[in-house]
Amino acid sequence: MKIGVDTFACNVGMSGVGVYLTQILKRIPPSGTTYELFGWEFDKFSFTDTAEKIEFISQGKITGKTANALWHIFKFPKFAVSRKYDVCFFPAAHRRLPRKYPCSSVGTVHDMAAYWGTRKTREHLGAVLRLVLQDSLRHLDRIIAVSNWVKNELIEVAKINESCIEVVPNGIDTSIFFPHPAESEETPVRPFGFKPPYILYAARLHHPIKNHSTLIKAFELFKEKTKFPHRIVFAGSDDHGADEIRAAAAASKYRNDIFFTGNFPSNSLPGLYASASFAVFPSRYEGFGQGALEAMATGIPVACARAAALPETADHAALYFDPLNIEDMADRMIALATDRELYQKCRAAGLERSKQFSWDVCVQRTLQIIQDTI
């Protein structure tokens, strides 16, 4: 059996999908099955550490959403036949898909943000892929949805047959994300110079989906009401609308307390969580909510938006707010900063909730679905 794995849209292993694929590759058991990776040439060494024995087939140097979509539509069918794949796995099926499949096919859909809200608010796929994506999804043999929220969207928006969809939640790597001793308030967070206390939001800078601008206004209200010395730290790489987020921060009267880290080193991320007073996730749309899960597993309380899949992932372990209500958001932040009993209750509930997610279980079920599809 030969399985092709599409690495397009994995952002050299650093995006959420990249982390997802890395977790799968490092858990592939020894067997008679042959796995093969294919994607952009610059991705050739992105998964060497986790999949050094898996061959990587480079497919072009031209990047961009349009070039990527066209390769999948026009070149993938012949490529899959030439490689003699029995099945192809698309870990970013919500972003990169062919129109037709010459072999069995399985895709994971992490969100349907491209069809959420208005043209100004939704995720942008590129004109070509947006035209064909829903039809391409319907041609997959099996679809893995990372949450029931995404499953319901696939049924309602893309008109996918429910029998073709299986919900397999993401996991958490407890060898990395676990309660760490927090740094003292005199110790700068490495490799950056800021010190605790701070509030953390770990997410790419995407406006308006990730809702940074509203959180900045809620942070201003938090500062005015509490007079606390907290900063707010935004950990994530620039994405669509990042300039608007930075402009909102620059215009804030508390701009000196707003810190952008850029794409934070993954090996330092658990320490960044651990030293935070608490984490806030105000996103207006999430297909799963990996950041909230990471924060809970690291042992810090979470306040998050009552939106999309966030309540499904965090369940009873988080404080919730309306993502469009600045006062509501600020009140939850103030509560976590001032009520020690509530703080400890949320922390304990988060740790307990995070135990219900496992990459081992996720990968085992995913690999079984891929093999059963043939």
Protein backbone atom coordinates (compact mmCIF):
# COMPACT_ATOMS: atom_id res chain seq x y z
CA MET A 1 0.00 0.00 0.00
CA LYS A 2 1.33 3.44 -0.95
CA ILE A 3 -0.03 6.62 0.62
CA GLY A 4 0.73 10.11 -0.68
CA VAL A 5 0.63 12.97 1.84
CA ASP A 6 0.12 16.54 0.62
CA THR A 7 2.30 19.08 2.50
CA PHE A 8 1.06 22.18 0.65
CA ALA A 9 -0.30 24.91 2.97
CA CYS A 10 1.71 23.60 5.94
CA ASN A 11 3.95 26.70 6.01
CA VAL A 12 7.21 24.74 6.49
CA GLY A 13 5.63 22.97 9.44
CA MET A 14 5.00 26.13 11.47
CA SER A 15 1.29 26.74 10.84
CA GLY A 16 -1.49 25.01 12.74
CA VAL A 17 -1.82 22.54 9.88
CA GLY A 18 1.96 22.09 9.91
CA VAL A 19 1.87 21.14 13.59
CA TYR A 20 -1.03 18.78 12.88
CA LEU A 21 0.88 17.01 10.11
CA THR A 22 4.06 16.86 12.21
CA GLN A 23 2.17 15.11 15.00
CA ILE A 24 0.87 12.55 12.51
CA LEU A 25 4.23 11.89 10.86
CA LYS A 26 6.07 11.33 14.14
CA ARG A 27 3.50 8.69 15.13
CA ILE A 28 3.36 6.61 11.94
CA PRO A 29 4.11 3.04 13.10
CA PRO A 30 6.51 0.69 11.28
CA SER A 31 4.52 -1.38 8.79
CA GLY A 32 4.44 -2.56 5.20
CA THR A 33 2.72 0.66 4.17
CA THR A 34 4.80 3.19 2.22
CA TYR A 35 4.21 6.87 2.94
CA GLU A 36 5.44 9.63 0.63
CA LEU A 37 5.31 13.42 1.08
CA PHE A 38 4.84 15.89 -1.77
CA GLY A 39 4.75 19.67 -1.82
CA TRP A 40 6.67 22.85 -2.61
CA GLU A 41 10.41 22.47 -2.99
CA PHE A 42 11.12 24.80 -0.04
CA ASP A 43 9.24 22.34 2.22
CA LYS A 44 11.68 19.52 1.42
CA PHE A 45 13.43 19.64 4.78
CA SER A 46 10.53 20.89 6.89
CA PHE A 47 9.66 17.46 8.22
CA THR A 48 13.10 15.86 8.26
CA ASP A 49 13.25 15.71 12.06
CA THR A 50 9.95 13.85 12.35
CA ALA A 51 9.91 11.89 9.09
CA GLU A 52 13.52 11.38 8.02
CA LYS A 53 12.75 8.00 6.45
CA ILE A 54 9.78 9.26 4.43
CA GLU A 55 10.65 10.38 0.89
CA PHE A 56 9.72 13.92 -0.14
CA ILE A 57 8.82 14.63 -3.80
CA SER A 58 9.33 18.32 -4.66
CA GLN A 59 6.70 19.89 -6.88
CA GLY A 60 7.66 23.35 -8.08
CA LYS A 61 9.10 26.58 -6.76
CA ILE A 62 6.33 29.09 -7.53
CA THR A 63 4.36 29.93 -4.41
CA GLY A 64 1.04 31.65 -3.92
CA LYS A 65 -2.60 30.59 -3.60
CA THR A 66 -3.34 30.72 -7.31
CA ALA A 67 -0.27 28.70 -8.34
CA ASN A 68 -1.04 26.21 -5.61
CA ALA A 69 -4.67 25.82 -6.65
CA LEU A 70 -3.75 25.41 -10.32
CA TRP A 71 -1.16 22.73 -9.54
CA HIS A 72 -3.76 20.70 -7.65
CA ILE A 73 -6.39 21.11 -10.33
CA PHE A 74 -4.28 20.44 -13.42
CA LYS A 75 -1.13 18.57 -12.34
CA PHE A 76 -2.11 16.51 -9.34
CA PRO A 77 -4.11 13.78 -11.20
CA LYS A 78 -1.17 12.84 -13.45
CA PHE A 79 1.26 13.17 -10.57
CA ALA A 80 -0.77 10.78 -8.37
CA VAL A 81 -0.98 8.23 -11.18
CA SER A 82 2.77 8.47 -11.87
CA ARG A 83 3.54 7.85 -8.18
CA LYS A 84 1.07 4.92 -8.08
CA TYR A 85 -0.68 6.08 -4.93
CA ASP A 86 -3.42 3.89 -3.49
CA VAL A 87 -4.72 6.79 -1.43
CA CYS A 88 -3.84 10.47 -0.96
CA PHE A 89 -4.20 12.34 2.31
CA PHE A 90 -4.79 16.10 2.33
CA PRO A 91 -4.17 17.49 5.85
CA ALA A 92 -5.24 20.99 4.72
CA ALA A 93 -8.34 20.07 2.73
CA HIS A 94 -9.97 23.40 3.60
CA ARG A 95 -7.18 25.23 1.71
CA ARG A 96 -5.66 22.97 -0.96
CA LEU A 97 -7.54 20.36 -3.00
CA PRO A 98 -7.60 18.93 -6.53
CA ARG A 99 -10.79 18.90 -8.56
CA LYS A 100 -10.58 15.19 -9.32
CA TYR A 101 -8.89 12.22 -7.67
CA PRO A 102 -7.41 9.26 -9.58
CA CYS A 103 -7.07 7.29 -6.33
CA SER A 104 -8.83 7.04 -2.99
CA SER A 105 -8.79 10.33 -1.08
CA VAL A 106 -9.07 11.56 2.49
CA GLY A 107 -8.92 15.18 3.64
CA THR A 108 -8.92 16.93 7.01
CA VAL A 109 -10.96 20.12 7.27
CA HIS A 110 -9.86 22.39 10.12
CA ASP A 111 -12.38 25.15 9.48
CA MET A 112 -14.78 26.63 6.95
CA ALA A 113 -13.68 30.21 7.61
CA ALA A 114 -13.67 30.97 3.88
CA TYR A 115 -17.47 30.78 3.94
CA TRP A 116 -18.08 32.49 7.28
CA GLY A 117 -19.43 36.01 7.61
CA THR A 118 -19.20 38.61 4.87
CA ARG A 119 -16.58 39.17 2.18
CA LYS A 120 -14.79 41.60 4.52
CA THR A 121 -14.67 39.20 7.47
CA ARG A 122 -14.05 35.76 5.97
CA GLU A 123 -10.79 33.95 5.31
CA HIS A 124 -9.57 34.53 1.74
CA LEU A 125 -8.75 31.43 -0.29
CA GLY A 126 -8.02 32.99 -3.64
CA ALA A 127 -10.50 33.22 -6.51
CA VAL A 128 -9.65 29.90 -8.18
CA LEU A 129 -9.86 27.70 -5.10
CA ARG A 130 -13.00 29.39 -3.83
CA LEU A 131 -14.76 28.48 -7.09
CA VAL A 132 -13.92 24.78 -6.87
CA LEU A 133 -13.42 24.01 -3.17
CA GLN A 134 -16.93 22.91 -2.24
CA ASP A 135 -17.15 20.64 -5.28
CA SER A 136 -13.69 19.25 -4.54
CA LEU A 137 -14.71 18.49 -0.96
CA ARG A 138 -17.72 16.55 -2.20
CA HIS A 139 -15.43 14.37 -4.32
CA LEU A 140 -13.31 13.24 -1.36
CA ASP A 141 -14.04 9.68 -0.25
CA ARG A 142 -13.75 10.55 3.44
CA ILE A 143 -13.51 13.84 5.33
CA ILE A 144 -12.06 14.24 8.81
CA ALA A 145 -13.54 17.22 10.68
CA VAL A 146 -11.66 18.48 13.73
CA SER A 147 -14.88 19.38 15.56
CA ASN A 148 -18.62 18.85 15.40
CA TRP A 149 -18.88 22.54 14.54
CA VAL A 150 -16.86 21.98 11.37
CA LYS A 151 -18.83 18.83 10.58
CA ASN A 152 -22.11 20.72 10.71
CA GLU A 153 -20.68 23.47 8.50
CA LEU A 154 -19.55 20.89 5.94
CA ILE A 155 -23.08 19.52 5.83
CA GLU A 156 -24.82 22.89 5.70
CA VAL A 157 -22.40 24.95 3.59
CA ALA A 158 -20.73 22.42 1.29
CA LYS A 159 -23.66 19.96 1.21
CA ILE A 160 -21.45 17.01 2.18
CA ASN A 161 -23.15 13.71 2.92
CA GLU A 162 -22.94 13.18 6.69
CA SER A 163 -21.88 9.55 6.24
CA CYS A 164 -18.64 10.72 4.59
CA ILE A 165 -17.57 12.82 7.61
CA GLU A 166 -15.92 11.65 10.81
CA VAL A 167 -15.06 13.93 13.71
CA VAL A 168 -11.52 13.42 15.02
CA PRO A 169 -10.47 16.21 17.43
CA ASN A 170 -6.90 17.44 17.56
CA GLY A 171 -4.67 16.42 20.46
CA ILE A 172 -2.23 18.04 22.83
CA ASP A 173 1.42 17.10 23.30
CA THR A 174 1.66 16.74 27.08
CA SER A 175 5.43 16.25 26.87
CA ILE A 176 5.59 19.94 25.90
CA PHE A 177 2.42 21.53 27.21
CA PHE A 178 2.20 20.89 30.96
CA PRO A 179 2.29 23.13 34.04
CA HIS A 180 5.73 24.77 34.07
CA PRO A 181 7.12 26.83 36.94
CA ALA A 182 6.37 30.42 36.03
CA GLU A 183 9.21 32.91 35.80
CA SER A 184 9.38 35.58 38.50
CA GLU A 185 8.23 39.09 37.67
CA GLU A 186 11.87 40.15 37.56
CA THR A 187 12.82 37.58 34.90
CA PRO A 188 12.39 38.66 31.25
CA VAL A 189 10.65 36.15 28.99
CA ARG A 190 13.23 34.75 26.58
CA PRO A 191 14.03 35.48 23.77
CA PHE A 192 12.10 38.75 24.30
CA GLY A 193 12.56 41.43 26.92
CA PHE A 194 9.09 41.75 28.46
CA LYS A 195 8.37 40.60 32.01
CA PRO A 196 5.29 39.26 33.83
CA PRO A 197 2.58 40.05 34.63
CA TYR A 198 1.02 39.81 31.19
CA ILE A 199 -2.10 38.56 29.44
CA LEU A 200 -1.50 36.30 26.44
CA TYR A 201 -3.24 35.85 23.11
CA ALA A 202 -1.46 33.33 20.87
CA ALA A 203 -2.84 33.54 17.33
CA ARG A 204 -1.78 34.77 13.90
CA LEU A 205 -2.52 38.44 13.29
CA HIS A 206 -5.57 38.07 11.06
CA HIS A 207 -8.11 40.89 11.00
CA PRO A 208 -10.99 40.72 11.73
CA ILE A 209 -11.43 36.96 12.31
CA LYS A 210 -9.01 36.76 15.23
CA ASN A 211 -10.53 39.91 16.74
CA HIS A 212 -7.33 41.50 18.07
CA SER A 213 -8.69 45.03 17.69
CA THR A 214 -11.64 44.37 20.00
CA LEU A 215 -9.31 42.76 22.53
CA ILE A 216 -7.11 45.88 22.47
CA LYS A 217 -10.15 47.99 23.41
CA ALA A 218 -11.10 45.51 26.15
CA PHE A 219 -7.53 45.65 27.45
CA GLU A 220 -7.76 49.44 27.65
CA LEU A 221 -10.90 49.08 29.77
CA PHE A 222 -9.16 46.44 31.92
CA LYS A 223 -6.27 48.85 32.57
CA GLU A 224 -8.54 51.79 33.35
CA LYS A 225 -10.65 49.82 35.84
CA THR A 226 -7.88 47.90 37.61
CA LYS A 227 -4.78 50.14 37.29
CA PHE A 228 -2.84 46.84 37.22
CA PRO A 229 0.64 46.71 35.65
CA HIS A 230 -0.28 43.93 33.20
CA ARG A 231 0.81 44.04 29.61
CA ILE A 232 -0.88 42.16 26.79
CA VAL A 233 1.23 39.96 24.53
CA PHE A 234 0.17 39.00 21.00
CA ALA A 235 2.15 35.95 19.88
CA GLY A 236 1.69 35.14 16.21
CA SER A 237 2.90 35.85 12.72
CA ASP A 238 1.44 38.56 10.48
CA ASP A 239 -1.47 37.59 8.27
CA HIS A 240 -4.32 39.30 6.41
CA GLY A 241 -5.05 42.69 7.99
CA ALA A 242 -2.07 42.66 10.38
CA ASP A 243 -1.41 46.34 9.63
CA GLU A 244 -4.85 47.26 10.96
CA ILE A 245 -4.14 45.42 14.20
CA ARG A 246 -0.79 47.15 14.65
CA ALA A 247 -2.41 50.49 13.88
CA ALA A 248 -5.04 49.89 16.57
CA ALA A 249 -2.27 49.09 19.05
CA ALA A 250 -0.28 52.19 18.07
CA ALA A 251 -3.36 54.38 18.58
CA SER A 252 -4.04 52.99 22.05
CA LYS A 253 -3.22 55.10 25.11
CA TYR A 254 -1.72 51.89 26.52
CA ARG A 255 0.42 51.19 23.47
CA ASN A 256 3.53 50.81 25.64
CA ASP A 257 1.87 47.83 27.32
CA ILE A 258 1.01 46.05 24.04
CA PHE A 259 3.69 43.68 22.80
CA PHE A 260 3.93 41.80 19.49
CA THR A 261 6.32 38.82 19.38
CA GLY A 262 5.88 37.82 15.74
CA ASN A 263 6.04 34.10 15.01
CA PHE A 264 7.03 32.83 18.44
CA PRO A 265 9.60 29.97 18.58
CA SER A 266 7.61 26.76 19.14
CA ASN A 267 10.08 25.40 21.68
CA SER A 268 9.59 28.53 23.81
CA LEU A 269 5.79 28.64 23.53
CA PRO A 270 5.04 26.54 26.66
CA GLY A 271 7.18 28.90 28.72
CA LEU A 272 5.34 31.88 27.25
CA TYR A 273 2.03 30.34 28.34
CA ALA A 274 3.33 29.36 31.78
CA SER A 275 4.51 32.88 32.65
CA ALA A 276 1.23 34.49 31.58
CA SER A 277 -1.33 35.50 34.18
CA PHE A 278 -4.04 34.06 31.95
CA ALA A 279 -4.89 33.68 28.26
CA VAL A 280 -7.66 35.33 26.25
CA PHE A 281 -9.00 34.01 22.96
CA PRO A 282 -11.47 36.52 21.47
CA SER A 283 -11.59 34.99 17.98
CA ARG A 284 -14.88 35.39 16.16
CA TYR A 285 -14.30 32.11 14.37
CA GLU A 286 -12.32 28.96 15.28
CA GLY A 287 -12.72 25.51 13.77
CA PHE A 288 -11.19 23.94 16.88
CA GLY A 289 -9.31 26.27 19.23
CA GLN A 290 -5.83 24.75 19.58
CA GLY A 291 -4.47 27.78 21.43
CA ALA A 292 -7.10 27.50 24.16
CA LEU A 293 -6.25 23.82 24.58
CA GLU A 294 -2.52 24.59 24.82
CA ALA A 295 -3.15 27.23 27.48
CA MET A 296 -5.33 24.91 29.55
CA ALA A 297 -2.79 22.09 29.35
CA THR A 298 -0.04 24.48 30.50
CA GLY A 299 -2.04 25.33 33.60
CA ILE A 300 -3.23 28.90 33.05
CA PRO A 301 -6.87 30.01 33.12
CA VAL A 302 -8.64 30.78 29.84
CA ALA A 303 -11.23 33.36 28.89
CA CYS A 304 -12.60 32.93 25.38
CA ALA A 305 -15.32 33.95 22.98
CA ARG A 306 -18.59 32.13 22.93
CA ALA A 307 -18.17 31.56 19.21
CA ALA A 308 -17.83 28.70 16.70
CA ALA A 309 -15.96 25.66 18.08
CA LEU A 310 -14.35 27.34 21.12
CA PRO A 311 -17.10 26.26 23.57
CA GLU A 312 -16.92 22.72 22.16
CA THR A 313 -13.19 22.50 22.86
CA ALA A 314 -12.98 24.40 26.16
CA ASP A 315 -16.36 23.14 27.42
CA HIS A 316 -16.91 24.12 31.09
CA ALA A 317 -13.26 24.98 31.69
CA ALA A 318 -13.22 28.58 30.41
CA LEU A 319 -14.90 31.90 31.14
CA TYR A 320 -16.93 33.00 28.12
CA PHE A 321 -17.78 36.39 26.65
CA ASP A 322 -19.48 37.88 23.62
CA PRO A 323 -16.65 38.48 21.11
CA LEU A 324 -18.26 41.74 19.95
CA ASN A 325 -18.91 43.12 23.45
CA ILE A 326 -15.90 45.06 24.78
CA GLU A 327 -17.32 45.41 28.32
CA ASP A 328 -18.16 41.70 28.54
CA MET A 329 -14.64 40.77 27.42
CA ALA A 330 -13.02 43.20 29.88
CA ASP A 331 -15.19 41.94 32.76
CA ARG A 332 -13.93 38.36 32.27
CA MET A 333 -10.34 39.60 32.21
CA ILE A 334 -10.90 41.61 35.40
CA ALA A 335 -12.52 38.60 37.09
CA LEU A 336 -9.50 36.37 36.40
CA ALA A 337 -7.12 39.09 37.58
CA THR A 338 -8.93 39.88 40.84
CA ASP A 339 -10.80 36.75 41.98
CA ARG A 340 -8.22 34.22 43.20
CA GLU A 341 -10.80 31.51 43.90
CA LEU A 342 -12.22 31.81 40.38
CA TYR A 343 -8.66 31.82 38.99
CA GLN A 344 -7.80 28.53 40.69
CA LYS A 345 -11.13 26.97 39.71
CA CYS A 346 -10.61 27.81 36.02
CA ARG A 347 -7.01 26.60 36.15
CA ALA A 348 -7.99 23.22 37.62
CA ALA A 349 -10.90 22.79 35.20
CA GLY A 350 -8.65 23.60 32.25
CA LEU A 351 -6.05 21.04 33.25
CA GLU A 352 -8.75 18.39 33.64
CA ARG A 353 -10.36 19.27 30.31
CA SER A 354 -7.05 19.10 28.43
CA LYS A 355 -6.60 15.47 29.51
CA GLN A 356 -9.46 14.51 27.21
CA PHE A 357 -7.42 15.32 24.10
CA SER A 358 -4.60 13.10 22.83
CA TRP A 359 -2.47 13.19 19.68
CA ASP A 360 -1.99 9.43 20.00
CA VAL A 361 -5.74 8.85 19.79
CA CYS A 362 -6.13 11.44 17.02
CA VAL A 363 -3.36 9.96 14.87
CA GLN A 364 -4.39 6.35 15.43
CA ARG A 365 -7.93 7.10 14.28
CA THR A 366 -6.74 9.26 11.35
CA LEU A 367 -4.38 6.58 10.00
CA GLN A 368 -7.11 3.98 10.36
CA ILE A 369 -9.54 6.10 8.33
CA ILE A 370 -6.91 6.63 5.61
CA GLN A 371 -6.19 2.90 5.32
CA ASP A 372 -9.89 1.94 5.46
CA THR A 373 -10.66 4.30 2.57
CA ILE A 374 -8.90 2.16 -0.04
